[in-house]
Protein backbone atom coordinates (compact mmCIF):
# COMPACT_ATOMS: atom_id res chain seq x y z
CA UNK A 1 -20.00 82.43 40.62
CA UNK A 2 -19.06 79.11 42.20
CA UNK A 3 -20.80 77.24 39.38
CA UNK A 4 -18.86 79.17 36.77
CA UNK A 5 -15.61 78.34 38.52
CA UNK A 6 -16.61 74.68 38.69
CA UNK A 7 -17.40 74.61 34.98
CA UNK A 8 -14.12 76.29 34.02
CA UNK A 9 -12.13 74.01 36.33
CA UNK A 10 -13.80 70.88 35.00
CA UNK A 11 -13.16 71.81 31.38
CA UNK A 12 -9.56 72.82 32.12
CA UNK A 13 -8.81 69.60 33.97
CA UNK A 14 -10.38 67.40 31.29
CA UNK A 15 -8.57 69.33 28.55
CA UNK A 16 -5.26 68.69 30.28
CA UNK A 17 -5.99 65.03 31.06
CA UNK A 18 -7.29 64.20 27.58
CA UNK A 19 -4.29 65.92 26.03
CA UNK A 20 -1.91 63.84 28.12
CA UNK A 21 -3.69 60.62 27.20
CA UNK A 22 -3.82 61.32 23.47
CA UNK A 23 -0.21 62.50 23.27
CA UNK A 24 1.07 59.50 25.19
CA UNK A 25 -0.83 57.13 22.90
CA UNK A 26 0.49 58.87 19.79
CA UNK A 27 4.05 58.76 21.05
CA UNK A 28 3.70 55.11 21.97
CA UNK A 29 2.38 54.28 18.49
CA UNK A 30 5.16 56.25 16.82
CA UNK A 31 7.74 54.44 18.94
CA UNK A 32 6.23 51.11 17.97
CA UNK A 33 6.55 52.00 14.29
CA UNK A 34 10.33 52.05 14.60
CA UNK A 35 10.36 48.27 14.96
CA UNK A 36 8.40 47.56 11.78
CA UNK A 37 10.31 47.68 8.51
CA UNK A 38 7.22 48.26 6.34
CA UNK A 39 5.86 51.17 8.42
CA UNK A 40 6.32 54.86 7.57
CA UNK A 41 8.82 56.89 9.59
CA UNK A 42 7.46 58.11 12.94
CA UNK A 43 7.65 61.81 11.97
CA UNK A 44 5.56 61.16 8.85
CA UNK A 45 2.99 59.18 10.82
CA UNK A 46 2.72 61.90 13.45
CA UNK A 47 2.40 64.62 10.81
CA UNK A 48 -0.49 62.79 9.16
CA UNK A 49 -2.28 61.91 12.40
CA UNK A 50 -2.01 65.22 14.29
CA UNK A 51 -5.14 66.86 12.74
CA UNK A 52 -7.31 63.89 13.71
CA UNK A 53 -5.75 63.87 17.17
CA UNK A 54 -6.56 67.57 17.65
CA UNK A 55 -10.15 66.97 16.59
CA UNK A 56 -10.47 64.01 18.95
CA UNK A 57 -8.92 66.09 21.73
CA UNK A 58 -11.60 68.76 21.32
CA UNK A 59 -14.45 66.25 21.08
CA UNK A 60 -13.41 64.18 24.09
CA UNK A 61 -12.77 67.33 26.11
CA UNK A 62 -16.26 68.62 25.36
CA UNK A 63 -17.89 65.29 26.23
CA UNK A 64 -15.93 64.58 29.41
CA UNK A 65 -15.86 68.23 30.49
CA UNK A 66 -19.62 68.61 30.12
CA UNK A 67 -20.25 65.44 32.09
CA UNK A 68 -17.84 66.43 34.83
CA UNK A 69 -19.28 69.96 35.01
CA UNK A 70 -22.84 68.70 35.35
CA UNK A 71 -21.89 66.17 38.02
CA UNK A 72 -19.82 68.72 39.95
CA UNK A 73 -22.57 71.34 39.82
CA UNK A 74 -25.14 68.79 40.99
CA UNK A 75 -22.93 67.74 43.89
CA UNK A 76 -22.38 71.36 44.94
CA UNK A 77 -26.10 72.12 44.60
CA UNK A 78 -26.96 69.04 46.67
CA UNK A 79 -24.36 69.87 49.32
CA UNK A 80 -25.49 73.48 49.79
């Protein structure tokens, strides 16, 4: 049961952290577009980029969450 809780906690924490990182980068890029006259409006850029950002969010969550879950389970196994 403790391993299941570790796996769920690691995936939840990486999902949250990766979401924060991706959203902050997208907002920073959209804010930077305001200062360029040849760039599309920020809302249009965000609308076009959101599907790729969601896909990247899932992929990075799976990679980082799996790694964190394996490391956490190995540490708990070693400690017990």
